[in-house]
């Protein structure tokens, strides 16, 4: 993605999904500040209307706990994201309240084993 070649709609949609999942329940402005961009930029990404600069991709990859190369491979459709990776991404974007519910669910599951 994000090279000299044209970007297809599927790649834009995969990137929008990443941004939405990473933001989770966080306030749009707060999330934009975390990335060092404006909130209209985040809105444009989530609506498949613009492409991020490389430095923003690097920050997003960092927040997801992965390399830029892995992120780009997923966006380009060259790599599938596992269920575990999706779960981790959702956790990273969760609010404190959502994390508390998840921790309780994990504790309940462990007790049942």
C-alpha atoms as a PDB file:
ATOM      1  CA  UNK A   1       0.000   0.000   0.000  1.00  0.00           C
ATOM      2  CA  UNK A   2       1.253   3.569   0.471  1.00  0.00           C
ATOM      3  CA  UNK A   3       3.870   3.507  -2.239  1.00  0.00           C
ATOM      4  CA  UNK A   4       3.907   4.946  -5.734  1.00  0.00           C
ATOM      5  CA  UNK A   5       1.218   2.519  -6.960  1.00  0.00           C
ATOM      6  CA  UNK A   6      -2.513   3.351  -6.776  1.00  0.00           C
ATOM      7  CA  UNK A   7      -4.241   2.137  -3.620  1.00  0.00           C
ATOM      8  CA  UNK A   8      -7.257  -0.109  -4.106  1.00  0.00           C
ATOM      9  CA  UNK A   9     -10.469   0.185  -2.125  1.00  0.00           C
ATOM     10  CA  UNK A  10      -9.914  -3.122  -0.301  1.00  0.00           C
ATOM     11  CA  UNK A  11      -6.599  -1.857   1.084  1.00  0.00           C
ATOM     12  CA  UNK A  12      -8.257   1.358   2.214  1.00  0.00           C
ATOM     13  CA  UNK A  13     -10.991  -0.664   3.922  1.00  0.00           C
ATOM     14  CA  UNK A  14      -8.472  -2.880   5.710  1.00  0.00           C
ATOM     15  CA  UNK A  15      -6.650   0.225   6.940  1.00  0.00           C
ATOM     16  CA  UNK A  16      -9.926   1.821   8.085  1.00  0.00           C
ATOM     17  CA  UNK A  17     -10.744  -1.353  10.037  1.00  0.00           C
ATOM     18  CA  UNK A  18      -7.334  -1.212  11.714  1.00  0.00           C
ATOM     19  CA  UNK A  19      -7.835   2.411  12.752  1.00  0.00           C
ATOM     20  CA  UNK A  20     -11.367   1.777  14.051  1.00  0.00           C
ATOM     21  CA  UNK A  21     -10.254  -1.259  16.042  1.00  0.00           C
ATOM     22  CA  UNK A  22      -7.222   0.513  17.437  1.00  0.00           C
ATOM     23  CA  UNK A  23      -9.269   3.540  18.476  1.00  0.00           C
ATOM     24  CA  UNK A  24     -11.950   1.354  20.034  1.00  0.00           C
ATOM     25  CA  UNK A  25     -14.069   3.384  22.442  1.00  0.00           C
ATOM     26  CA  UNK A  26     -11.506   6.142  22.831  1.00  0.00           C
ATOM     27  CA  UNK A  27     -12.525   9.685  22.117  1.00  0.00           C
ATOM     28  CA  UNK A  28     -11.710  10.663  18.542  1.00  0.00           C
ATOM     29  CA  UNK A  29      -9.715  13.743  19.531  1.00  0.00           C
ATOM     30  CA  UNK A  30      -7.779  11.880  22.214  1.00  0.00           C
ATOM     31  CA  UNK A  31      -6.900   9.123  19.767  1.00  0.00           C
ATOM     32  CA  UNK A  32      -5.821  11.682  17.155  1.00  0.00           C
ATOM     33  CA  UNK A  33      -3.529  13.339  19.722  1.00  0.00           C
ATOM     34  CA  UNK A  34      -2.024   9.939  20.546  1.00  0.00           C
ATOM     35  CA  UNK A  35      -1.120   9.556  16.870  1.00  0.00           C
ATOM     36  CA  UNK A  36      -0.046  13.179  16.447  1.00  0.00           C
ATOM     37  CA  UNK A  37      -2.656  13.957  13.790  1.00  0.00           C
ATOM     38  CA  UNK A  38      -5.857  15.989  13.649  1.00  0.00           C
ATOM     39  CA  UNK A  39      -9.226  14.397  14.337  1.00  0.00           C
ATOM     40  CA  UNK A  40     -10.426  15.128  10.757  1.00  0.00           C
ATOM     41  CA  UNK A  41      -7.473  13.006   9.596  1.00  0.00           C
ATOM     42  CA  UNK A  42      -8.658  10.056  11.690  1.00  0.00           C
ATOM     43  CA  UNK A  43     -12.202  10.536  10.373  1.00  0.00           C
ATOM     44  CA  UNK A  44     -10.886  10.502   6.799  1.00  0.00           C
ATOM     45  CA  UNK A  45      -8.948   7.283   7.463  1.00  0.00           C
ATOM     46  CA  UNK A  46     -11.963   5.594   9.042  1.00  0.00           C
ATOM     47  CA  UNK A  47     -14.095   6.600   6.051  1.00  0.00           C
ATOM     48  CA  UNK A  48     -11.534   5.383   3.471  1.00  0.00           C
ATOM     49  CA  UNK A  49     -11.067   8.922   2.193  1.00  0.00           C
ATOM     50  CA  UNK A  50      -7.332   9.367   2.622  1.00  0.00           C
ATOM     51  CA  UNK A  51      -4.095   7.492   3.103  1.00  0.00           C
ATOM     52  CA  UNK A  52      -1.713   7.983   6.020  1.00  0.00           C
ATOM     53  CA  UNK A  53       1.832   9.188   5.703  1.00  0.00           C
ATOM     54  CA  UNK A  54       4.584   6.708   6.457  1.00  0.00           C
ATOM     55  CA  UNK A  55       5.316   8.199   9.890  1.00  0.00           C
ATOM     56  CA  UNK A  56       1.649   7.684  10.845  1.00  0.00           C
ATOM     57  CA  UNK A  57       1.775   4.092   9.662  1.00  0.00           C
ATOM     58  CA  UNK A  58       4.857   3.565  11.801  1.00  0.00           C
ATOM     59  CA  UNK A  59       3.046   4.951  14.862  1.00  0.00           C
ATOM     60  CA  UNK A  60      -0.009   2.767  14.207  1.00  0.00           C
ATOM     61  CA  UNK A  61       2.185  -0.320  13.826  1.00  0.00           C
ATOM     62  CA  UNK A  62       3.920   0.572  17.091  1.00  0.00           C
ATOM     63  CA  UNK A  63       0.600   0.953  18.911  1.00  0.00           C
ATOM     64  CA  UNK A  64      -0.481  -2.431  17.553  1.00  0.00           C
ATOM     65  CA  UNK A  65       2.750  -4.007  18.749  1.00  0.00           C
ATOM     66  CA  UNK A  66       3.930  -5.044  15.299  1.00  0.00           C
ATOM     67  CA  UNK A  67       6.455  -3.990  12.693  1.00  0.00           C
ATOM     68  CA  UNK A  68       5.631  -1.621   9.869  1.00  0.00           C
ATOM     69  CA  UNK A  69       6.285  -4.446   7.401  1.00  0.00           C
ATOM     70  CA  UNK A  70       3.698  -6.718   9.053  1.00  0.00           C
ATOM     71  CA  UNK A  71       1.151  -3.897   9.080  1.00  0.00           C
ATOM     72  CA  UNK A  72       1.732  -3.114   5.413  1.00  0.00           C
ATOM     73  CA  UNK A  73       1.492  -6.776   4.421  1.00  0.00           C
ATOM     74  CA  UNK A  74      -1.894  -7.016   6.114  1.00  0.00           C
ATOM     75  CA  UNK A  75      -3.141  -3.775   4.545  1.00  0.00           C
ATOM     76  CA  UNK A  76      -2.011  -5.000   1.122  1.00  0.00           C
ATOM     77  CA  UNK A  77      -3.862  -8.287   1.660  1.00  0.00           C
ATOM     78  CA  UNK A  78      -0.688 -10.367   1.666  1.00  0.00           C
ATOM     79  CA  UNK A  79      -1.109 -11.577   5.243  1.00  0.00           C
ATOM     80  CA  UNK A  80      -4.174 -12.665   7.162  1.00  0.00           C
ATOM     81  CA  UNK A  81      -4.644 -11.560  10.740  1.00  0.00           C
ATOM     82  CA  UNK A  82      -5.198 -14.383  13.203  1.00  0.00           C
ATOM     83  CA  UNK A  83      -8.016 -14.380  15.732  1.00  0.00           C
ATOM     84  CA  UNK A  84      -5.457 -13.806  18.467  1.00  0.00           C
ATOM     85  CA  UNK A  85      -4.076 -10.746  16.665  1.00  0.00           C
ATOM     86  CA  UNK A  86      -7.602  -9.342  16.273  1.00  0.00           C
ATOM     87  CA  UNK A  87      -8.248  -9.904  19.960  1.00  0.00           C
ATOM     88  CA  UNK A  88      -4.996  -8.162  20.901  1.00  0.00           C
ATOM     89  CA  UNK A  89      -5.869  -5.238  18.658  1.00  0.00           C
ATOM     90  CA  UNK A  90      -9.290  -4.939  20.283  1.00  0.00           C
ATOM     91  CA  UNK A  91      -7.691  -5.042  23.740  1.00  0.00           C
ATOM     92  CA  UNK A  92      -5.284  -2.253  22.820  1.00  0.00           C
ATOM     93  CA  UNK A  93      -8.216  -0.066  21.776  1.00  0.00           C
ATOM     94  CA  UNK A  94     -10.457  -0.901  24.734  1.00  0.00           C
ATOM     95  CA  UNK A  95     -11.478   1.540  27.431  1.00  0.00           C
ATOM     96  CA  UNK A  96     -10.712   0.884  31.104  1.00  0.00           C
ATOM     97  CA  UNK A  97     -14.278  -0.305  31.624  1.00  0.00           C
ATOM     98  CA  UNK A  98     -14.068  -2.724  28.708  1.00  0.00           C
ATOM     99  CA  UNK A  99     -10.730  -4.033  29.960  1.00  0.00           C
ATOM    100  CA  UNK A 100     -12.253  -4.681  33.386  1.00  0.00           C
ATOM    101  CA  UNK A 101     -15.000  -6.777  31.778  1.00  0.00           C
ATOM    102  CA  UNK A 102     -12.421  -8.689  29.734  1.00  0.00           C
ATOM    103  CA  UNK A 103     -10.215  -9.367  32.750  1.00  0.00           C
ATOM    104  CA  UNK A 104     -13.223 -10.681  34.689  1.00  0.00           C
ATOM    105  CA  UNK A 105     -14.189 -12.924  31.755  1.00  0.00           C
ATOM    106  CA  UNK A 106     -10.632 -14.260  31.539  1.00  0.00           C
ATOM    107  CA  UNK A 107     -10.563 -14.910  35.289  1.00  0.00           C
ATOM    108  CA  UNK A 108     -13.902 -16.740  35.087  1.00  0.00           C
ATOM    109  CA  UNK A 109     -12.641 -18.829  32.179  1.00  0.00           C
ATOM    110  CA  UNK A 110      -9.443 -19.762  34.023  1.00  0.00           C
ATOM    111  CA  UNK A 111     -11.430 -20.790  37.090  1.00  0.00           C
ATOM    112  CA  UNK A 112     -13.552 -23.081  34.911  1.00  0.00           C
ATOM    113  CA  UNK A 113     -10.495 -24.960  33.603  1.00  0.00           C
END
